[in-house]
Amino acid sequence: MIDLPRDSQRVLVVDDDERIRQMVSRYLEEAGYQVSVAPDGEGLREELRLRPVDLILLDLVLPGDDDGLTLAREIRRTSDVPIIMLSGRDEVVDRVVGLEVGADDYISKPFHLREVLARVRTVLRRHHHSGSQAREENDRTIRFSGWLLDPQRRLLSSPRGEEVDLTTGEFELLLALARHPGRVFSRDALMTATRGRHHEAFDRSIDTQIARLRKKLDFEAADAHALIKSVRGIGYVFTGHVAAAR
């Protein structure tokens, strides 16, 4: 398989050991990557504010209040950038937890620099491939119960071919639900999927948008509540029959 062009790929190395930062960054730079370094969580956040990165090598044990697992969770709330965890503790529980919070791979210390380079190349290649597939999937028009939902043109067409006027929030909400039929979404998950932020205890805007969306679907559907069902104590689920139109 052909390697991806590396001139625009930047790796961020986060480790409190200066020797490791220098050693890894020098090796990756010689392999053709751009490299940034940070000693802790604050340094990581600052680097991410300054420039985008394509992959993060993140040490599990860091000084201060933020360890690698905490930082990985924080990153995953807003980004799918690949993360490879580094750890001097070769324990199964650390490896499992690291992968569960969103890390793409895990390397135990001490490591060989050739292994680090191989893992970086593999994870970047895999991320590029899956990202291309996801973009293609996300661009597909969705058909459900006679309706057409077009993500590229951001249009909803009724079974009679009429365009339905939706607000940006209503469109994003319907799209998130229709892309995952049968999946029960909490209000928090819908808020994050459509607005990129967490649901607040007294924020009922999701319920309001669901009500408006049902009303707009109701003039064609026998029962719009049958397409978007409430799940008591949890949230909502889309139950329409969904198929990709193209």
Protein backbone atom coordinates (compact mmCIF):
# COMPACT_ATOMS: atom_id res chain seq x y z
CA MET A 1 0.00 0.00 0.00
CA ILE A 2 1.28 3.46 -0.90
CA ASP A 3 2.08 5.71 2.03
CA LEU A 4 0.15 8.96 2.36
CA PRO A 5 2.01 12.17 1.53
CA ARG A 6 3.68 13.28 4.73
CA ASP A 7 4.48 16.91 3.98
CA SER A 8 1.23 18.07 5.60
CA GLN A 9 1.01 15.48 8.38
CA ARG A 10 1.83 16.75 11.85
CA VAL A 11 2.34 14.58 14.92
CA LEU A 12 2.01 15.99 18.45
CA VAL A 13 4.16 14.21 21.05
CA VAL A 14 2.92 14.70 24.63
CA ASP A 15 5.28 13.32 27.28
CA ASP A 16 6.78 14.81 30.46
CA ASP A 17 10.14 13.15 29.73
CA GLU A 18 12.16 15.63 27.67
CA ARG A 19 14.50 12.90 26.48
CA ILE A 20 11.59 10.92 25.02
CA ARG A 21 10.11 14.02 23.39
CA GLN A 22 13.41 14.86 21.71
CA MET A 23 14.15 11.28 20.69
CA VAL A 24 10.70 10.60 19.18
CA SER A 25 10.35 13.98 17.50
CA ARG A 26 13.79 13.73 15.89
CA TYR A 27 13.08 10.24 14.55
CA LEU A 28 9.66 11.20 13.14
CA GLU A 29 11.06 14.36 11.55
CA GLU A 30 13.73 12.29 9.83
CA ALA A 31 10.91 10.08 8.51
CA GLY A 32 9.27 13.13 6.93
CA TYR A 33 6.69 14.22 9.51
CA GLN A 34 6.22 17.63 11.07
CA VAL A 35 6.37 17.31 14.87
CA SER A 36 5.17 19.43 17.79
CA VAL A 37 5.86 18.59 21.43
CA ALA A 38 4.22 19.27 24.79
CA PRO A 39 5.15 18.23 28.35
CA ASP A 40 1.64 18.15 29.86
CA GLY A 41 -2.08 18.78 29.38
CA GLU A 42 -1.77 22.55 29.24
CA GLY A 43 0.93 22.27 26.62
CA LEU A 44 -1.25 19.90 24.60
CA ARG A 45 -4.21 22.32 24.68
CA GLU A 46 -1.97 25.21 23.64
CA GLU A 47 -0.56 23.25 20.70
CA LEU A 48 -4.06 22.30 19.54
CA ARG A 49 -5.08 25.96 19.74
CA LEU A 50 -2.10 27.00 17.63
CA ARG A 51 -2.36 24.49 14.78
CA PRO A 52 -4.19 21.34 13.65
CA VAL A 53 -2.49 17.99 14.12
CA ASP A 54 -2.98 14.68 12.33
CA LEU A 55 -2.04 12.36 15.20
CA ILE A 56 -1.26 12.60 18.93
CA LEU A 57 1.25 10.42 20.78
CA LEU A 58 -0.05 10.78 24.34
CA ASP A 59 1.70 9.57 27.48
CA LEU A 60 -0.61 7.90 30.00
CA VAL A 61 1.13 9.36 33.08
CA LEU A 62 1.54 13.14 33.05
CA PRO A 63 2.18 15.75 35.75
CA GLY A 64 -0.66 17.85 37.12
CA ASP A 65 -4.35 17.04 37.31
CA ASP A 66 -4.73 15.73 33.76
CA ASP A 67 -3.47 12.24 32.98
CA GLY A 68 -3.50 10.73 29.50
CA LEU A 69 -6.92 9.09 29.91
CA THR A 70 -8.52 12.36 31.02
CA LEU A 71 -6.98 14.20 28.08
CA ALA A 72 -8.02 11.48 25.62
CA ARG A 73 -11.64 11.81 26.81
CA GLU A 74 -11.43 15.59 26.46
CA ILE A 75 -10.07 15.35 22.93
CA ARG A 76 -12.71 12.83 21.88
CA ARG A 77 -15.54 15.19 22.86
CA THR A 78 -14.65 17.47 19.95
CA SER A 79 -12.26 15.62 17.62
CA ASP A 80 -11.60 12.26 15.98
CA VAL A 81 -7.85 12.94 15.59
CA PRO A 82 -5.97 9.62 15.99
CA ILE A 83 -4.46 9.03 19.44
CA ILE A 84 -1.70 6.53 20.30
CA MET A 85 -1.26 6.08 24.04
CA LEU A 86 2.24 5.65 25.50
CA SER A 87 2.73 4.01 28.88
CA GLY A 88 5.44 2.56 31.07
CA ARG A 89 2.79 0.37 32.71
CA ASP A 90 2.25 -2.69 30.56
CA GLU A 91 -0.98 -3.63 32.31
CA VAL A 92 -4.00 -5.02 30.48
CA VAL A 93 -6.40 -2.73 32.35
CA ASP A 94 -4.52 0.38 31.22
CA ARG A 95 -4.49 -0.84 27.64
CA VAL A 96 -8.21 -1.67 27.67
CA VAL A 97 -9.26 1.59 29.34
CA GLY A 98 -7.09 3.59 26.94
CA LEU A 99 -8.79 2.00 23.94
CA GLU A 100 -12.24 2.38 25.51
CA VAL A 101 -11.85 6.15 25.96
CA GLY A 102 -11.05 6.54 22.28
CA ALA A 103 -7.35 5.81 21.75
CA ASP A 104 -6.55 4.16 18.40
CA ASP A 105 -3.49 2.24 19.58
CA TYR A 106 -1.29 1.64 22.62
CA ILE A 107 2.51 1.36 22.88
CA SER A 108 4.28 0.16 26.02
CA LYS A 109 7.54 1.68 27.22
CA PRO A 110 10.35 1.04 26.63
CA PHE A 111 9.68 1.01 22.90
CA HIS A 112 11.76 0.87 19.76
CA LEU A 113 11.56 3.96 17.58
CA ARG A 114 10.95 1.83 14.51
CA GLU A 115 7.85 0.43 16.22
CA VAL A 116 6.58 3.93 16.96
CA LEU A 117 7.05 4.94 13.33
CA ALA A 118 5.30 1.79 12.09
CA ARG A 119 2.33 2.38 14.42
CA VAL A 120 2.09 6.04 13.40
CA ARG A 121 2.03 5.12 9.71
CA THR A 122 -0.54 2.37 10.25
CA VAL A 123 -2.91 4.49 12.34
CA LEU A 124 -2.70 7.46 9.95
CA ARG A 125 -3.33 5.20 6.95
CA ARG A 126 -6.30 3.54 8.67
CA HIS A 127 -7.73 6.89 9.75
CA HIS A 128 -7.43 8.30 6.23
CA HIS A 129 -9.22 5.26 4.77
CA SER A 130 -12.03 5.23 7.33
CA GLY A 131 -12.42 9.00 7.05
CA SER A 132 -12.88 8.74 3.27
CA GLN A 133 -15.50 6.04 3.75
CA ALA A 134 -17.29 8.10 6.40
CA ARG A 135 -17.36 11.20 4.18
CA GLU A 136 -18.80 9.16 1.32
CA GLU A 137 -21.42 7.64 3.62
CA ASN A 138 -22.32 11.02 5.12
CA ASP A 139 -22.90 12.54 1.68
CA ARG A 140 -25.48 9.95 0.68
CA THR A 141 -29.12 10.95 0.37
CA ILE A 142 -31.32 9.07 2.84
CA ARG A 143 -34.75 7.73 1.92
CA PHE A 144 -37.28 6.91 4.64
CA SER A 145 -41.01 6.26 4.32
CA GLY A 146 -41.16 8.14 1.01
CA TRP A 147 -39.13 11.11 2.28
CA LEU A 148 -35.73 12.17 0.91
CA LEU A 149 -33.10 13.76 3.12
CA ASP A 150 -30.16 15.21 1.17
CA PRO A 151 -27.13 16.10 3.37
CA GLN A 152 -25.20 17.75 0.53
CA ARG A 153 -27.98 20.10 -0.56
CA ARG A 154 -29.39 20.19 2.99
CA LEU A 155 -32.90 19.56 1.75
CA LEU A 156 -35.84 17.48 2.98
CA SER A 157 -38.39 16.44 0.34
CA SER A 158 -41.82 15.03 1.17
CA PRO A 159 -43.30 11.91 -0.47
CA ARG A 160 -45.08 14.30 -2.87
CA GLY A 161 -41.78 15.89 -3.89
CA GLU A 162 -42.31 19.11 -1.96
CA GLU A 163 -39.42 20.73 -0.12
CA VAL A 164 -39.97 21.09 3.62
CA ASP A 165 -38.50 24.15 5.30
CA LEU A 166 -36.34 23.11 8.25
CA THR A 167 -34.17 25.23 10.51
CA THR A 168 -30.49 24.28 10.75
CA GLY A 169 -31.09 22.69 14.14
CA GLU A 170 -34.10 20.68 12.92
CA PHE A 171 -32.18 19.45 9.87
CA GLU A 172 -29.16 18.36 11.93
CA LEU A 173 -31.43 16.65 14.43
CA LEU A 174 -33.33 14.68 11.77
CA LEU A 175 -30.07 13.79 10.02
CA ALA A 176 -28.48 12.48 13.22
CA LEU A 177 -31.54 10.31 13.94
CA ALA A 178 -32.06 9.06 10.39
CA ARG A 179 -28.41 8.05 10.01
CA HIS A 180 -28.83 5.70 12.98
CA PRO A 181 -32.31 4.14 12.81
CA GLY A 182 -33.16 2.03 15.83
CA ARG A 183 -30.51 3.65 18.01
CA VAL A 184 -31.81 5.27 21.18
CA PHE A 185 -30.30 8.75 21.59
CA SER A 186 -30.22 10.53 24.91
CA ARG A 187 -30.83 14.27 24.85
CA ASP A 188 -27.17 14.72 25.73
CA ALA A 189 -26.08 12.64 22.72
CA LEU A 190 -28.39 14.57 20.39
CA MET A 191 -27.18 17.88 21.76
CA THR A 192 -23.57 16.85 21.18
CA ALA A 193 -24.28 15.43 17.71
CA THR A 194 -26.14 18.52 16.50
CA ARG A 195 -24.48 21.35 18.39
CA GLY A 196 -21.14 19.99 19.59
CA ARG A 197 -21.91 20.66 23.24
CA HIS A 198 -23.35 18.74 26.15
CA HIS A 199 -26.96 18.83 27.20
CA GLU A 200 -27.64 21.07 30.17
CA ALA A 201 -30.02 19.98 32.91
CA PHE A 202 -32.67 22.60 32.13
CA ASP A 203 -32.07 22.88 28.40
CA ARG A 204 -35.25 21.51 26.76
CA SER A 205 -34.43 22.76 23.27
CA ILE A 206 -34.08 19.20 21.95
CA ASP A 207 -37.63 18.42 23.07
CA THR A 208 -38.86 21.64 21.45
CA GLN A 209 -37.10 20.84 18.17
CA ILE A 210 -38.46 17.28 18.18
CA ALA A 211 -41.98 18.66 18.63
CA ARG A 212 -41.52 21.10 15.72
CA LEU A 213 -39.97 18.39 13.56
CA ARG A 214 -42.86 16.01 14.22
CA LYS A 215 -45.31 18.73 13.26
CA LYS A 216 -43.55 19.34 9.95
CA LEU A 217 -43.48 15.61 9.20
CA ASP A 218 -47.08 15.10 10.31
CA PHE A 219 -48.76 16.65 7.27
CA GLU A 220 -47.51 13.73 5.12
CA ALA A 221 -46.93 10.96 7.64
CA ALA A 222 -49.86 9.07 9.13
CA ASP A 223 -48.22 9.49 12.50
CA ALA A 224 -44.98 11.46 12.81
CA HIS A 225 -44.62 10.10 16.33
CA ALA A 226 -44.15 6.68 14.73
CA LEU A 227 -41.05 7.97 12.94
CA ILE A 228 -39.49 9.63 15.99
CA LYS A 229 -40.50 7.81 19.15
CA SER A 230 -39.94 8.98 22.71
CA VAL A 231 -38.11 6.61 25.03
CA ARG A 232 -39.19 7.36 28.57
CA GLY A 233 -36.37 8.54 30.80
CA ILE A 234 -33.79 8.40 27.99
CA GLY A 235 -34.54 10.35 24.82
CA TYR A 236 -35.61 9.49 21.27
CA VAL A 237 -35.27 6.80 18.61
CA PHE A 238 -35.89 6.96 14.86
CA THR A 239 -37.98 4.00 13.73
CA GLY A 240 -38.60 4.81 10.05
CA HIS A 241 -37.37 2.36 7.43
CA VAL A 242 -34.17 3.92 6.09
CA ALA A 243 -32.30 3.24 2.88
CA ALA A 244 -29.53 5.08 1.05
CA ALA A 245 -30.94 6.61 -2.13
CA ARG A 246 -27.57 6.99 -3.84
